[in-house]
N, C-alpha and C. Protein backbone atom coordinates (compact mmCIF):
# COMPACT_ATOMS: atom_id res chain seq x y z
N MET A 1 81.08 96.75 110.60
CA MET A 1 81.97 97.67 111.31
C MET A 1 82.82 98.43 110.30
N ASN A 2 83.20 99.62 110.69
CA ASN A 2 84.04 100.45 109.84
C ASN A 2 85.50 100.28 110.22
N GLU A 3 86.37 100.58 109.28
CA GLU A 3 87.80 100.55 109.55
C GLU A 3 88.32 101.98 109.63
N PHE A 4 89.20 102.21 110.59
CA PHE A 4 89.77 103.53 110.80
C PHE A 4 91.29 103.43 110.76
N ILE A 5 91.93 104.46 110.22
CA ILE A 5 93.38 104.60 110.28
C ILE A 5 93.66 105.62 111.37
N VAL A 6 94.39 105.20 112.39
CA VAL A 6 94.74 106.08 113.50
C VAL A 6 96.24 106.25 113.49
N SER A 7 96.71 107.50 113.49
CA SER A 7 98.15 107.76 113.47
C SER A 7 98.50 108.77 114.54
N GLY A 8 99.77 108.75 114.93
CA GLY A 8 100.26 109.66 115.94
C GLY A 8 101.66 109.29 116.36
N VAL A 9 102.03 109.69 117.58
CA VAL A 9 103.35 109.40 118.12
C VAL A 9 103.21 108.92 119.56
N PHE A 10 104.22 108.17 120.00
CA PHE A 10 104.30 107.81 121.41
C PHE A 10 105.73 107.95 121.87
N ARG A 11 105.88 108.17 123.17
CA ARG A 11 107.20 108.35 123.74
C ARG A 11 107.77 106.99 124.12
N ALA A 12 108.96 106.71 123.58
CA ALA A 12 109.66 105.46 123.89
C ALA A 12 111.02 105.84 124.46
N GLY A 13 111.12 105.85 125.77
CA GLY A 13 112.36 106.30 126.40
C GLY A 13 112.52 107.79 126.21
N SER A 14 113.63 108.20 125.63
CA SER A 14 113.86 109.63 125.40
C SER A 14 113.50 110.06 123.99
N SER A 15 113.07 109.11 123.15
CA SER A 15 112.71 109.44 121.76
C SER A 15 111.21 109.30 121.56
N ARG A 16 110.74 109.80 120.42
CA ARG A 16 109.33 109.70 120.06
C ARG A 16 109.22 108.86 118.79
N GLU A 17 108.33 107.89 118.82
CA GLU A 17 108.14 106.98 117.70
C GLU A 17 106.78 107.24 117.05
N GLN A 18 106.75 107.26 115.73
CA GLN A 18 105.49 107.42 115.01
C GLN A 18 104.81 106.07 114.86
N PHE A 19 103.48 106.08 114.80
CA PHE A 19 102.73 104.85 114.56
C PHE A 19 101.56 105.13 113.63
N LYS A 20 101.10 104.08 112.99
CA LYS A 20 99.88 104.11 112.18
C LYS A 20 99.22 102.75 112.33
N LYS A 21 98.00 102.73 112.83
CA LYS A 21 97.27 101.49 113.06
C LYS A 21 95.96 101.52 112.29
N ILE A 22 95.58 100.39 111.73
CA ILE A 22 94.27 100.23 111.11
C ILE A 22 93.46 99.32 112.03
N VAL A 23 92.33 99.84 112.52
CA VAL A 23 91.50 99.09 113.45
C VAL A 23 90.05 99.07 112.96
N SER A 24 89.34 98.00 113.28
CA SER A 24 87.91 97.91 113.00
C SER A 24 87.15 98.33 114.24
N SER A 25 86.18 99.22 114.06
CA SER A 25 85.43 99.72 115.19
C SER A 25 84.10 100.29 114.72
N GLN A 26 83.18 100.49 115.66
CA GLN A 26 81.87 101.04 115.33
C GLN A 26 81.93 102.55 115.12
N ASN A 27 82.81 103.24 115.86
CA ASN A 27 82.91 104.69 115.73
C ASN A 27 84.32 105.16 116.09
N LYS A 28 84.58 106.46 115.91
CA LYS A 28 85.92 107.01 116.15
C LYS A 28 86.35 106.86 117.60
N LYS A 29 85.44 107.10 118.52
CA LYS A 29 85.78 107.02 119.94
C LYS A 29 86.27 105.62 120.32
N ASN A 30 85.57 104.61 119.85
CA ASN A 30 85.98 103.23 120.14
C ASN A 30 87.28 102.87 119.43
N ALA A 31 87.51 103.43 118.25
CA ALA A 31 88.76 103.18 117.52
C ALA A 31 89.94 103.74 118.32
N ILE A 32 89.77 104.93 118.88
CA ILE A 32 90.83 105.53 119.69
C ILE A 32 91.11 104.68 120.92
N GLU A 33 90.06 104.21 121.58
CA GLU A 33 90.23 103.36 122.76
C GLU A 33 90.97 102.07 122.40
N LYS A 34 90.65 101.52 121.24
CA LYS A 34 91.31 100.28 120.81
C LYS A 34 92.80 100.51 120.57
N VAL A 35 93.16 101.67 119.98
CA VAL A 35 94.57 101.98 119.74
C VAL A 35 95.31 102.16 121.06
N TYR A 36 94.69 102.87 122.02
CA TYR A 36 95.31 102.99 123.35
C TYR A 36 95.56 101.60 123.94
N SER A 37 94.60 100.71 123.82
CA SER A 37 94.73 99.37 124.36
C SER A 37 95.83 98.57 123.65
N LEU A 38 95.85 98.64 122.31
CA LEU A 38 96.87 97.90 121.54
C LEU A 38 98.28 98.38 121.85
N LEU A 39 98.48 99.70 121.82
CA LEU A 39 99.82 100.23 122.08
C LEU A 39 100.24 99.99 123.52
N GLY A 40 99.28 100.07 124.43
CA GLY A 40 99.58 99.80 125.83
C GLY A 40 100.04 98.37 126.05
N SER A 41 99.40 97.43 125.38
CA SER A 41 99.77 96.03 125.58
C SER A 41 101.04 95.66 124.81
N GLU A 42 101.22 96.24 123.61
CA GLU A 42 102.40 95.90 122.81
C GLU A 42 103.68 96.53 123.34
N HIS A 43 103.59 97.77 123.84
CA HIS A 43 104.78 98.52 124.22
C HIS A 43 104.83 98.89 125.70
N GLY A 44 103.83 98.50 126.46
CA GLY A 44 103.79 98.80 127.88
C GLY A 44 103.65 100.29 128.16
N LEU A 45 102.85 100.98 127.34
CA LEU A 45 102.70 102.43 127.46
C LEU A 45 101.45 102.80 128.23
N LYS A 46 101.52 103.92 128.94
CA LYS A 46 100.34 104.49 129.55
C LYS A 46 99.73 105.49 128.57
N ARG A 47 98.47 105.79 128.76
CA ARG A 47 97.75 106.66 127.83
C ARG A 47 98.37 108.05 127.70
N ASN A 48 98.96 108.57 128.77
CA ASN A 48 99.53 109.92 128.69
C ASN A 48 100.81 109.98 127.86
N LEU A 49 101.35 108.83 127.45
CA LEU A 49 102.54 108.80 126.60
C LEU A 49 102.17 108.65 125.12
N ILE A 50 100.88 108.49 124.82
CA ILE A 50 100.41 108.30 123.45
C ILE A 50 99.69 109.56 123.00
N GLU A 51 100.11 110.09 121.85
CA GLU A 51 99.49 111.29 121.29
C GLU A 51 98.90 110.94 119.92
N ILE A 52 97.59 110.98 119.82
CA ILE A 52 96.92 110.66 118.56
C ILE A 52 96.79 111.94 117.74
N ALA A 53 97.34 111.91 116.52
CA ALA A 53 97.36 113.10 115.67
C ALA A 53 96.21 113.12 114.68
N ASP A 54 95.84 111.96 114.13
CA ASP A 54 94.83 111.93 113.08
C ASP A 54 94.07 110.62 113.10
N ILE A 55 92.79 110.71 112.79
CA ILE A 55 91.97 109.51 112.64
C ILE A 55 91.08 109.72 111.42
N SER A 56 91.10 108.73 110.52
CA SER A 56 90.28 108.83 109.32
C SER A 56 89.61 107.49 109.04
N GLU A 57 88.44 107.55 108.45
CA GLU A 57 87.65 106.35 108.19
C GLU A 57 87.96 105.79 106.81
N LEU A 58 88.23 104.49 106.75
CA LEU A 58 88.48 103.83 105.48
C LEU A 58 87.18 103.47 104.78
N GLY A 59 86.17 103.11 105.52
CA GLY A 59 84.90 102.68 104.96
C GLY A 59 84.45 101.41 105.63
N GLU A 60 83.35 100.89 105.18
CA GLU A 60 82.80 99.68 105.77
C GLU A 60 83.58 98.46 105.31
N SER A 61 84.00 97.63 106.26
CA SER A 61 84.76 96.43 105.90
C SER A 61 83.83 95.41 105.26
N GLY A 62 84.35 94.76 104.23
CA GLY A 62 83.59 93.74 103.55
C GLY A 62 82.60 94.28 102.52
N ALA A 63 82.62 95.58 102.27
CA ALA A 63 81.67 96.18 101.33
C ALA A 63 82.22 96.23 99.92
N GLU A 64 83.42 95.74 99.70
CA GLU A 64 84.04 95.84 98.38
C GLU A 64 83.59 94.75 97.45
């Protein structure tokens, strides 16, 4: 599996908080879904409160 860095902002009350998550996933689409799931469970957020700004691939995990 590849590792992705997903960054963006989410609304927390009246302010906006930045986040950066590193997730293992097969592709970018699944990485985005995983971030929605993680932020939703950690902060009680709905998807419309999460704005993903950038996603980049780190490379294959365990290949070093």
